[in-house]
C-alpha atoms as a PDB file:
ATOM      1  CA  MET A   1      -2.352  12.570  13.387  1.00  0.00           C
ATOM      2  CA  ASN A   2       0.115  15.163  14.556  1.00  0.00           C
ATOM      3  CA  ALA A   3       1.666  17.844  12.338  1.00  0.00           C
ATOM      4  CA  GLN A   4       4.984  16.066  11.750  1.00  0.00           C
ATOM      5  CA  ASN A   5       3.380  13.008  10.112  1.00  0.00           C
ATOM      6  CA  THR A   6       2.931  12.766   6.387  1.00  0.00           C
ATOM      7  CA  GLN A   7       0.695  10.436   4.441  1.00  0.00           C
ATOM      8  CA  LYS A   8       0.976   9.345   0.848  1.00  0.00           C
ATOM      9  CA  TYR A   9      -0.765   6.953  -1.513  1.00  0.00           C
ATOM     10  CA  ARG A  10       1.648   4.625  -3.263  1.00  0.00           C
ATOM     11  CA  SER A  11       0.574   4.437  -6.882  1.00  0.00           C
ATOM     12  CA  GLN A  12       2.339   1.485  -8.475  1.00  0.00           C
ATOM     13  CA  GLN A  13       4.724   2.284 -11.296  1.00  0.00           C
ATOM     14  CA  SER A  14       6.596  -0.628 -12.891  1.00  0.00           C
ATOM     15  CA  ALA A  15       9.969   1.155 -12.638  1.00  0.00           C
ATOM     16  CA  ASP A  16       9.401   1.788  -8.922  1.00  0.00           C
ATOM     17  CA  ILE A  17       8.981  -1.874  -7.902  1.00  0.00           C
ATOM     18  CA  ALA A  18      12.688  -2.557  -7.330  1.00  0.00           C
ATOM     19  CA  ASN A  19      13.193   0.798  -5.596  1.00  0.00           C
ATOM     20  CA  ALA A  20      10.208   0.199  -3.323  1.00  0.00           C
ATOM     21  CA  ASP A  21      11.486  -3.239  -2.357  1.00  0.00           C
ATOM     22  CA  GLN A  22      14.883  -1.765  -1.439  1.00  0.00           C
ATOM     23  CA  ALA A  23      13.281   1.028   0.561  1.00  0.00           C
ATOM     24  CA  ARG A  24      11.061  -1.405   2.473  1.00  0.00           C
ATOM     25  CA  ARG A  25      14.076  -3.465   3.494  1.00  0.00           C
ATOM     26  CA  ALA A  26      16.028  -0.365   4.570  1.00  0.00           C
ATOM     27  CA  VAL A  27      13.389   1.234   6.821  1.00  0.00           C
ATOM     28  CA  PRO A  28      11.565  -0.886   9.391  1.00  0.00           C
ATOM     29  CA  GLU A  29       7.840  -0.254   9.339  1.00  0.00           C
ATOM     30  CA  SER A  30       4.984  -1.325  11.542  1.00  0.00           C
ATOM     31  CA  VAL A  31       1.469  -2.128  10.384  1.00  0.00           C
ATOM     32  CA  GLU A  32      -0.961   0.419  11.792  1.00  0.00           C
ATOM     33  CA  SER A  33      -4.158  -1.005  10.266  1.00  0.00           C
ATOM     34  CA  GLN A  34      -5.597  -3.116   7.497  1.00  0.00           C
ATOM     35  CA  SER A  35      -8.960  -2.728   5.798  1.00  0.00           C
ATOM     36  CA  ILE A  36     -11.077  -3.552   2.778  1.00  0.00           C
ATOM     37  CA  ARG A  37     -11.942  -0.532   0.663  1.00  0.00           C
ATOM     38  CA  VAL A  38     -13.944   0.249  -2.466  1.00  0.00           C
ATOM     39  CA  VAL A  39     -13.043   2.898  -5.026  1.00  0.00           C
ATOM     40  CA  ILE A  40     -16.310   4.682  -5.848  1.00  0.00           C
ATOM     41  CA  SER A  41     -14.760   6.846  -8.542  1.00  0.00           C
ATOM     42  CA  SER A  42     -11.292   8.208  -9.063  1.00  0.00           C
ATOM     43  CA  ILE A  43      -9.412  10.337 -11.531  1.00  0.00           C
ATOM     44  CA  ALA A  44      -6.254   8.226 -11.187  1.00  0.00           C
ATOM     45  CA  THR A  45      -6.287   4.436 -11.463  1.00  0.00           C
ATOM     46  CA  ARG A  46      -4.991   2.627  -8.416  1.00  0.00           C
ATOM     47  CA  HIS A  47      -2.700  -0.336  -8.871  1.00  0.00           C
ATOM     48  CA  CYS A  48      -1.805  -3.278  -6.678  1.00  0.00           C
ATOM     49  CA  ASP A  49       1.417  -2.474  -4.824  1.00  0.00           C
ATOM     50  CA  HIS A  50       2.580  -6.068  -5.247  1.00  0.00           C
ATOM     51  CA  CYS A  51       1.718  -7.195  -8.793  1.00  0.00           C
ATOM     52  CA  GLY A  52       0.763  -3.906 -10.494  1.00  0.00           C
ATOM     53  CA  THR A  53      -2.752  -4.985 -11.528  1.00  0.00           C
ATOM     54  CA  PRO A  54      -5.102  -1.996 -11.956  1.00  0.00           C
ATOM     55  CA  ILE A  55      -7.801  -1.702  -9.270  1.00  0.00           C
ATOM     56  CA  GLY A  56     -10.945  -0.450 -10.973  1.00  0.00           C
ATOM     57  CA  ASP A  57     -13.896   1.564  -9.721  1.00  0.00           C
ATOM     58  CA  ASN A  58     -16.466  -0.281  -7.586  1.00  0.00           C
ATOM     59  CA  VAL A  59     -14.008  -3.094  -6.829  1.00  0.00           C
ATOM     60  CA  ARG A  60     -13.146  -4.175  -3.293  1.00  0.00           C
ATOM     61  CA  TYR A  61      -9.435  -4.171  -2.540  1.00  0.00           C
ATOM     62  CA  ARG A  62      -7.245  -4.727   0.505  1.00  0.00           C
ATOM     63  CA  ASN A  63      -5.431  -1.818   2.102  1.00  0.00           C
ATOM     64  CA  VAL A  64      -2.600  -1.833   4.651  1.00  0.00           C
ATOM     65  CA  THR A  65      -1.434   1.301   6.450  1.00  0.00           C
ATOM     66  CA  THR A  66       2.101   1.332   7.846  1.00  0.00           C
ATOM     67  CA  ARG A  67       4.237   3.752   9.823  1.00  0.00           C
ATOM     68  CA  ASP A  68       8.030   3.821   9.509  1.00  0.00           C
ATOM     69  CA  SER A  69      10.519   4.678  12.248  1.00  0.00           C
ATOM     70  CA  ALA A  70      10.451   8.354  11.199  1.00  0.00           C
ATOM     71  CA  GLY A  71       6.669   8.494  11.731  1.00  0.00           C
ATOM     72  CA  ASN A  72       5.738   8.606   8.039  1.00  0.00           C
ATOM     73  CA  VAL A  73       2.471   6.871   7.131  1.00  0.00           C
ATOM     74  CA  THR A  74       2.193   4.878   3.894  1.00  0.00           C
ATOM     75  CA  GLU A  75      -0.902   3.299   2.314  1.00  0.00           C
ATOM     76  CA  TYR A  76      -0.512   0.061   0.332  1.00  0.00           C
ATOM     77  CA  ALA A  77      -3.278  -1.228  -1.956  1.00  0.00           C
ATOM     78  CA  PHE A  78      -3.551  -4.909  -2.934  1.00  0.00           C
ATOM     79  CA  CYS A  79      -5.826  -6.547  -5.501  1.00  0.00           C
ATOM     80  CA  ASP A  80      -6.301  -9.720  -3.435  1.00  0.00           C
ATOM     81  CA  VAL A  81      -5.301 -11.541  -0.266  1.00  0.00           C
ATOM     82  CA  ASP A  82      -2.427 -13.377  -1.991  1.00  0.00           C
ATOM     83  CA  CYS A  83      -0.732 -10.100  -2.968  1.00  0.00           C
ATOM     84  CA  LYS A  84      -1.258  -8.663   0.514  1.00  0.00           C
ATOM     85  CA  THR A  85       0.188 -11.802   2.093  1.00  0.00           C
ATOM     86  CA  ALA A  86       3.166 -11.778  -0.307  1.00  0.00           C
ATOM     87  CA  ARG A  87       4.100  -8.288   0.923  1.00  0.00           C
ATOM     88  CA  PHE A  88       3.039  -8.756   4.567  1.00  0.00           C
ATOM     89  CA  PRO A  89       3.315 -12.492   5.333  1.00  0.00           C
ATOM     90  CA  ARG A  90       2.286 -12.168   8.987  1.00  0.00           C
ATOM     91  CA  LEU A  91      -1.082 -10.656   7.950  1.00  0.00           C
ATOM     92  CA  GLY A  92      -2.073 -13.784   5.997  1.00  0.00           C
END
């Protein structure tokens, strides 16, 4: 990654769902990678970026990494394939 790129983890907040949907439509993004991850332990609880379900420790979850036109990298976490496909239909 070069110095101008930033990366952030999108923790789901119920009030942010509508704002996130608007932002996604406004800025085109490309999928950089997708993976299955496991949270070993974490101070903060991760949530599904589609439905808001908490993702607990030692649970496998789907992750999609995107890059927008400005070069910013964003990580999306999903509790299952259905939620991932709802957000990124072409990855189904």
